[in-house]
Each structure stands twice: as structure tokens, then as C-alpha cells.
Amino acid sequence: MSFKRTHAALVLCAVAAIALPAAALAGAGGVGGARVAQSHAVTLKNTRFHPGTLSIHRGDSVTWLWRDGGVRHNVTGSGFHSRTQGQGSFTVRFNRAGTFNYHCTIHVEEGMKGKIVVH
């Protein structure tokens, strides 16, 4: 075999040795089979949070979306608080497991409460 063919064969083997394990890891959900963090949405509409209870995994984020026709709300929980607004969004990443209750301070008496359960 000529030097060029030998060199090309070695380069091809090296590329395959790198690409195949990387592809296998990507198919397993990331490096070492680690789970990739996900994003979830909660909609504020009709003076309620939809869904009222959301189950997620540690490292996931939740974005609250204001869709209540300009009615002003906020999202207030232990360790997080949005501004009071009539439109827009607010995002929190949950890095520890537990149950996180939250509410709108303006409409809590009307039942505007929610819960994030982090596994």
C-alpha cells in the first residue's frame, strides 16, 4: 500500500474512532447518558396558572407566559419572584428537588396558585 493510502486509511480510522462513540453518547441523551435539561411552560390565563401543578426534573426550567388579556399578575414562590406585568414571560431554572408552591400576590385569594414538583 502506498504512503498516501496508508495515511488516508489511518485518518479514516481515527475519525471513526472519535465519531462512533460520540454518536452513541448523543443517542443516549448526552455525555455519559446524562439527561438533557428541558423547558416547560405555564400559562397565566383566566386568573389561573395552566397547568396548576407541573412535574419536572432537576435542572429543567419553567417559563410562565402571560396570556390573560393584559390583566396584571406576578409569580411569587420561595426564592423567586417575577415583576407584576400584564404581558411577557418569566423563567426559573429548578436545580434542586422538592415541591415549590407559588402564587400571584394580587389574585391569591381568588385561587391563583400553582405548584412545581421537581424530581
N, C-alpha and C. Protein backbone atom coordinates (compact mmCIF):
# COMPACT_ATOMS: atom_id res chain seq x y z
N MET A 1 0.85 -1.17 0.00
CA MET A 1 0.00 0.00 0.00
C MET A 1 0.90 1.24 0.00
N SER A 2 0.53 2.27 -0.73
CA SER A 2 1.33 3.48 -0.79
C SER A 2 1.16 4.29 0.50
N PHE A 3 2.07 5.23 0.71
CA PHE A 3 2.02 6.09 1.89
C PHE A 3 0.70 6.86 1.94
N LYS A 4 0.25 7.38 0.79
CA LYS A 4 -0.99 8.17 0.75
C LYS A 4 -2.18 7.31 1.16
N ARG A 5 -2.26 6.09 0.67
CA ARG A 5 -3.38 5.21 1.02
C ARG A 5 -3.32 4.82 2.48
N THR A 6 -2.14 4.52 2.98
CA THR A 6 -1.98 4.16 4.39
C THR A 6 -2.38 5.33 5.28
N HIS A 7 -1.91 6.51 4.93
CA HIS A 7 -2.24 7.72 5.70
C HIS A 7 -3.74 7.98 5.68
N ALA A 8 -4.36 7.86 4.50
CA ALA A 8 -5.81 8.08 4.39
C ALA A 8 -6.58 7.05 5.21
N ALA A 9 -6.13 5.80 5.19
CA ALA A 9 -6.80 4.76 5.97
C ALA A 9 -6.68 5.03 7.47
N LEU A 10 -5.52 5.49 7.91
CA LEU A 10 -5.33 5.82 9.33
C LEU A 10 -6.20 7.00 9.75
N VAL A 11 -6.28 8.01 8.91
CA VAL A 11 -7.12 9.17 9.21
C VAL A 11 -8.59 8.74 9.30
N LEU A 12 -9.03 7.92 8.36
CA LEU A 12 -10.40 7.44 8.37
C LEU A 12 -10.69 6.64 9.64
N CYS A 13 -9.78 5.79 10.06
CA CYS A 13 -9.97 5.02 11.30
C CYS A 13 -10.03 5.93 12.52
N ALA A 14 -9.18 6.96 12.52
CA ALA A 14 -9.17 7.90 13.66
C ALA A 14 -10.49 8.66 13.74
N VAL A 15 -11.00 9.10 12.61
CA VAL A 15 -12.27 9.82 12.58
C VAL A 15 -13.39 8.91 13.06
N ALA A 16 -13.42 7.68 12.59
CA ALA A 16 -14.45 6.73 13.02
C ALA A 16 -14.35 6.44 14.50
N ALA A 17 -13.14 6.35 15.02
CA ALA A 17 -12.95 6.07 16.45
C ALA A 17 -13.48 7.20 17.31
N ILE A 18 -13.46 8.40 16.80
CA ILE A 18 -13.98 9.55 17.55
C ILE A 18 -15.49 9.69 17.32
N ALA A 19 -15.94 9.56 16.08
CA ALA A 19 -17.33 9.83 15.74
C ALA A 19 -18.30 8.79 16.29
N LEU A 20 -17.96 7.52 16.25
CA LEU A 20 -18.90 6.49 16.69
C LEU A 20 -19.24 6.59 18.17
N PRO A 21 -18.27 6.71 19.08
CA PRO A 21 -18.66 6.87 20.49
C PRO A 21 -19.44 8.15 20.75
N ALA A 22 -19.08 9.23 20.05
CA ALA A 22 -19.80 10.49 20.23
C ALA A 22 -21.25 10.34 19.79
N ALA A 23 -21.48 9.67 18.69
CA ALA A 23 -22.85 9.44 18.21
C ALA A 23 -23.62 8.56 19.19
N ALA A 24 -22.97 7.57 19.75
CA ALA A 24 -23.64 6.69 20.72
C ALA A 24 -24.02 7.46 21.97
N LEU A 25 -23.14 8.35 22.43
CA LEU A 25 -23.46 9.15 23.62
C LEU A 25 -24.59 10.11 23.33
N ALA A 26 -24.59 10.72 22.17
CA ALA A 26 -25.67 11.65 21.82
C ALA A 26 -27.01 10.93 21.80
N GLY A 27 -27.04 9.72 21.31
CA GLY A 27 -28.27 8.96 21.27
C GLY A 27 -28.74 8.55 22.65
N ALA A 28 -27.83 8.51 23.63
CA ALA A 28 -28.18 8.13 24.99
C ALA A 28 -28.65 9.31 25.81
N GLY A 29 -28.75 10.49 25.21
CA GLY A 29 -29.25 11.65 25.93
C GLY A 29 -28.15 12.59 26.38
N GLY A 30 -26.95 12.40 25.95
CA GLY A 30 -25.87 13.31 26.28
C GLY A 30 -24.67 12.55 26.77
N VAL A 31 -23.69 13.26 27.25
CA VAL A 31 -22.44 12.66 27.70
C VAL A 31 -22.71 11.74 28.87
N GLY A 32 -22.23 10.53 28.77
CA GLY A 32 -22.41 9.56 29.85
C GLY A 32 -23.85 9.18 30.09
N GLY A 33 -24.73 9.40 29.12
CA GLY A 33 -26.14 9.07 29.30
C GLY A 33 -26.89 10.10 30.13
N ALA A 34 -26.26 11.26 30.38
CA ALA A 34 -26.90 12.30 31.19
C ALA A 34 -28.13 12.84 30.48
N ARG A 35 -29.14 13.17 31.25
CA ARG A 35 -30.38 13.72 30.73
C ARG A 35 -30.17 15.19 30.35
N VAL A 36 -30.72 15.58 29.24
CA VAL A 36 -30.65 16.97 28.78
C VAL A 36 -31.79 17.75 29.43
N ALA A 37 -31.46 18.90 30.02
CA ALA A 37 -32.48 19.73 30.68
C ALA A 37 -33.54 20.16 29.66
N GLN A 38 -34.78 20.26 30.14
CA GLN A 38 -35.90 20.63 29.28
C GLN A 38 -36.53 21.93 29.75
N SER A 39 -37.29 22.53 28.88
CA SER A 39 -38.05 23.75 29.19
C SER A 39 -39.53 23.41 29.22
N HIS A 40 -40.25 24.00 30.16
CA HIS A 40 -41.68 23.77 30.32
C HIS A 40 -42.38 25.13 30.38
N ALA A 41 -43.66 25.15 30.04
CA ALA A 41 -44.42 26.40 30.05
C ALA A 41 -45.63 26.29 30.96
N VAL A 42 -45.90 27.38 31.67
CA VAL A 42 -47.13 27.55 32.44
C VAL A 42 -47.76 28.84 31.93
N THR A 43 -49.03 28.78 31.57
CA THR A 43 -49.74 29.93 31.04
C THR A 43 -50.59 30.58 32.13
N LEU A 44 -50.54 31.90 32.20
CA LEU A 44 -51.40 32.66 33.11
C LEU A 44 -52.59 33.13 32.29
N LYS A 45 -53.77 32.57 32.57
CA LYS A 45 -54.97 32.90 31.82
C LYS A 45 -56.19 32.67 32.70
N ASN A 46 -57.19 33.54 32.57
CA ASN A 46 -58.44 33.45 33.34
C ASN A 46 -58.15 33.42 34.84
N THR A 47 -57.19 34.21 35.27
CA THR A 47 -56.78 34.32 36.68
C THR A 47 -56.44 32.96 37.26
N ARG A 48 -55.74 32.15 36.48
CA ARG A 48 -55.26 30.82 36.90
C ARG A 48 -53.93 30.53 36.24
N PHE A 49 -53.21 29.56 36.81
CA PHE A 49 -52.00 29.03 36.21
C PHE A 49 -52.37 27.71 35.52
N HIS A 50 -51.97 27.55 34.27
CA HIS A 50 -52.28 26.34 33.50
C HIS A 50 -50.99 25.71 33.01
N PRO A 51 -50.60 24.50 33.43
CA PRO A 51 -51.28 23.66 34.42
C PRO A 51 -51.05 24.18 35.83
N GLY A 52 -51.93 23.80 36.74
CA GLY A 52 -51.82 24.22 38.13
C GLY A 52 -50.68 23.52 38.86
N THR A 53 -50.42 22.27 38.49
CA THR A 53 -49.30 21.50 39.03
C THR A 53 -48.49 20.97 37.87
N LEU A 54 -47.18 21.16 37.94
CA LEU A 54 -46.29 20.73 36.88
C LEU A 54 -45.16 19.91 37.50
N SER A 55 -44.94 18.70 37.00
CA SER A 55 -43.84 17.85 37.45
C SER A 55 -42.71 17.92 36.44
N ILE A 56 -41.50 18.21 36.94
CA ILE A 56 -40.33 18.35 36.08
C ILE A 56 -39.14 17.63 36.72
N HIS A 57 -38.01 17.65 36.03
CA HIS A 57 -36.78 17.06 36.56
C HIS A 57 -35.82 18.17 36.99
N ARG A 58 -34.96 17.82 37.92
CA ARG A 58 -33.95 18.75 38.40
C ARG A 58 -33.12 19.25 37.21
N GLY A 59 -32.90 20.55 37.15
CA GLY A 59 -32.17 21.17 36.05
C GLY A 59 -33.07 21.73 34.96
N ASP A 60 -34.35 21.35 34.95
CA ASP A 60 -35.29 21.87 33.96
C ASP A 60 -35.66 23.32 34.31
N SER A 61 -36.16 24.03 33.32
CA SER A 61 -36.64 25.40 33.55
C SER A 61 -38.13 25.48 33.25
N VAL A 62 -38.76 26.44 33.90
CA VAL A 62 -40.18 26.72 33.70
C VAL A 62 -40.31 28.18 33.28
N THR A 63 -41.06 28.41 32.21
CA THR A 63 -41.35 29.76 31.75
C THR A 63 -42.84 30.01 31.91
N TRP A 64 -43.18 31.05 32.67
CA TRP A 64 -44.57 31.47 32.82
C TRP A 64 -44.86 32.47 31.72
N LEU A 65 -46.01 32.28 31.03
CA LEU A 65 -46.40 33.11 29.89
C LEU A 65 -47.70 33.85 30.21
N TRP A 66 -47.67 35.16 30.15
CA TRP A 66 -48.86 35.97 30.42
C TRP A 66 -49.75 35.98 29.19
N ARG A 67 -50.96 35.41 29.35
CA ARG A 67 -51.93 35.34 28.24
C ARG A 67 -53.33 35.65 28.76
N ASP A 68 -53.43 36.68 29.61
CA ASP A 68 -54.70 37.00 30.26
C ASP A 68 -55.22 38.37 29.85
N GLY A 69 -55.03 38.70 28.57
CA GLY A 69 -55.61 39.94 28.04
C GLY A 69 -55.14 41.21 28.72
N GLY A 70 -53.91 41.25 29.17
CA GLY A 70 -53.37 42.45 29.80
C GLY A 70 -53.61 42.54 31.30
N VAL A 71 -54.34 41.59 31.89
CA VAL A 71 -54.54 41.60 33.35
C VAL A 71 -53.18 41.41 34.01
N ARG A 72 -52.90 42.23 35.01
CA ARG A 72 -51.58 42.20 35.66
C ARG A 72 -51.51 41.09 36.71
N HIS A 73 -50.44 40.30 36.62
CA HIS A 73 -50.18 39.21 37.55
C HIS A 73 -48.69 39.19 37.89
N ASN A 74 -48.34 38.39 38.90
CA ASN A 74 -46.95 38.08 39.17
C ASN A 74 -46.85 36.62 39.57
N VAL A 75 -45.64 36.13 39.62
CA VAL A 75 -45.37 34.75 40.03
C VAL A 75 -44.44 34.84 41.22
N THR A 76 -44.92 34.41 42.40
CA THR A 76 -44.17 34.55 43.63
C THR A 76 -44.08 33.21 44.34
N GLY A 77 -42.86 32.74 44.53
CA GLY A 77 -42.63 31.48 45.25
C GLY A 77 -41.45 31.64 46.18
N SER A 78 -41.11 30.58 46.84
CA SER A 78 -39.96 30.60 47.75
C SER A 78 -38.68 30.68 46.93
N GLY A 79 -38.03 31.82 46.96
CA GLY A 79 -36.77 32.00 46.24
C GLY A 79 -36.91 32.58 44.84
N PHE A 80 -38.12 32.87 44.39
CA PHE A 80 -38.28 33.51 43.07
C PHE A 80 -39.50 34.42 43.08
N HIS A 81 -39.41 35.48 42.30
CA HIS A 81 -40.50 36.47 42.24
C HIS A 81 -40.37 37.24 40.93
N SER A 82 -41.41 37.21 40.13
CA SER A 82 -41.42 37.99 38.89
C SER A 82 -41.88 39.41 39.20
N ARG A 83 -41.72 40.26 38.24
CA ARG A 83 -42.32 41.59 38.37
C ARG A 83 -43.81 41.46 38.07
N THR A 84 -44.61 42.41 38.50
CA THR A 84 -46.03 42.42 38.18
C THR A 84 -46.16 42.99 36.77
N GLN A 85 -46.82 42.22 35.89
CA GLN A 85 -46.89 42.61 34.49
C GLN A 85 -48.17 42.09 33.86
N GLY A 86 -48.56 42.69 32.74
CA GLY A 86 -49.76 42.28 32.03
C GLY A 86 -49.47 41.45 30.79
N GLN A 87 -48.21 41.36 30.43
CA GLN A 87 -47.80 40.55 29.29
C GLN A 87 -46.33 40.19 29.46
N GLY A 88 -45.86 39.24 28.66
CA GLY A 88 -44.46 38.87 28.70
C GLY A 88 -44.27 37.48 29.28
N SER A 89 -43.09 37.26 29.85
CA SER A 89 -42.76 35.94 30.39
C SER A 89 -41.77 36.08 31.55
N PHE A 90 -41.57 34.98 32.25
CA PHE A 90 -40.66 34.91 33.40
C PHE A 90 -40.18 33.47 33.49
N THR A 91 -38.86 33.27 33.61
CA THR A 91 -38.29 31.92 33.60
C THR A 91 -37.46 31.66 34.85
N VAL A 92 -37.61 30.45 35.38
CA VAL A 92 -36.81 29.98 36.53
C VAL A 92 -36.28 28.59 36.22
N ARG A 93 -35.00 28.35 36.52
CA ARG A 93 -34.42 27.02 36.41
C ARG A 93 -34.42 26.40 37.81
N PHE A 94 -34.91 25.17 37.92
CA PHE A 94 -35.01 24.47 39.20
C PHE A 94 -33.87 23.46 39.32
N ASN A 95 -32.90 23.78 40.17
CA ASN A 95 -31.69 22.96 40.29
C ASN A 95 -31.70 22.00 41.47
N ARG A 96 -32.76 22.04 42.26
CA ARG A 96 -32.84 21.08 43.37
C ARG A 96 -34.23 20.47 43.42
N ALA A 97 -34.27 19.24 43.92
CA ALA A 97 -35.55 18.52 44.02
C ALA A 97 -36.40 19.11 45.13
N GLY A 98 -37.69 18.96 45.00
CA GLY A 98 -38.62 19.43 46.02
C GLY A 98 -39.92 19.90 45.39
N THR A 99 -40.81 20.38 46.25
CA THR A 99 -42.09 20.94 45.81
C THR A 99 -42.05 22.44 46.04
N PHE A 100 -42.33 23.19 45.00
CA PHE A 100 -42.25 24.64 45.05
C PHE A 100 -43.64 25.22 44.78
N ASN A 101 -44.29 25.68 45.84
CA ASN A 101 -45.60 26.33 45.71
C ASN A 101 -45.38 27.78 45.32
N TYR A 102 -46.27 28.31 44.51
CA TYR A 102 -46.18 29.71 44.11
C TYR A 102 -47.59 30.27 43.93
N HIS A 103 -47.69 31.57 43.79
CA HIS A 103 -48.99 32.22 43.64
C HIS A 103 -48.82 33.60 43.01
N CYS A 104 -49.92 34.20 42.65
CA CYS A 104 -49.96 35.60 42.24
C CYS A 104 -50.38 36.38 43.48
N THR A 105 -49.57 37.31 43.94
CA THR A 105 -49.89 38.04 45.18
C THR A 105 -51.16 38.88 45.03
N ILE A 106 -51.50 39.25 43.81
CA ILE A 106 -52.69 40.07 43.56
C ILE A 106 -53.96 39.23 43.62
N HIS A 107 -53.89 37.98 43.14
CA HIS A 107 -55.08 37.15 42.98
C HIS A 107 -55.05 35.85 43.79
N VAL A 108 -54.22 35.80 44.82
CA VAL A 108 -54.12 34.57 45.62
C VAL A 108 -55.46 34.24 46.28
N GLU A 109 -56.19 35.24 46.72
CA GLU A 109 -57.49 35.00 47.37
C GLU A 109 -58.52 34.45 46.39
N GLU A 110 -58.30 34.67 45.11
CA GLU A 110 -59.19 34.13 44.07
C GLU A 110 -58.74 32.74 43.61
N GLY A 111 -57.71 32.22 44.25
CA GLY A 111 -57.26 30.86 43.94
C GLY A 111 -56.15 30.77 42.91
N MET A 112 -55.47 31.88 42.62
CA MET A 112 -54.40 31.84 41.63
C MET A 112 -53.12 31.33 42.29
N LYS A 113 -53.03 29.99 42.35
CA LYS A 113 -51.91 29.30 42.99
C LYS A 113 -51.44 28.18 42.08
N GLY A 114 -50.17 27.82 42.21
CA GLY A 114 -49.62 26.72 41.42
C GLY A 114 -48.55 25.99 42.19
N LYS A 115 -48.05 24.92 41.56
CA LYS A 115 -47.05 24.09 42.22
C LYS A 115 -46.13 23.46 41.17
N ILE A 116 -44.83 23.53 41.44
CA ILE A 116 -43.82 22.87 40.61
C ILE A 116 -43.24 21.74 41.47
N VAL A 117 -43.32 20.50 40.98
CA VAL A 117 -42.75 19.34 41.68
C VAL A 117 -41.50 18.93 40.90
N VAL A 118 -40.35 19.02 41.56
CA VAL A 118 -39.07 18.73 40.91
C VAL A 118 -38.54 17.40 41.42
N HIS A 119 -38.31 16.46 40.49
CA HIS A 119 -37.80 15.11 40.83
C HIS A 119 -36.31 15.05 40.63
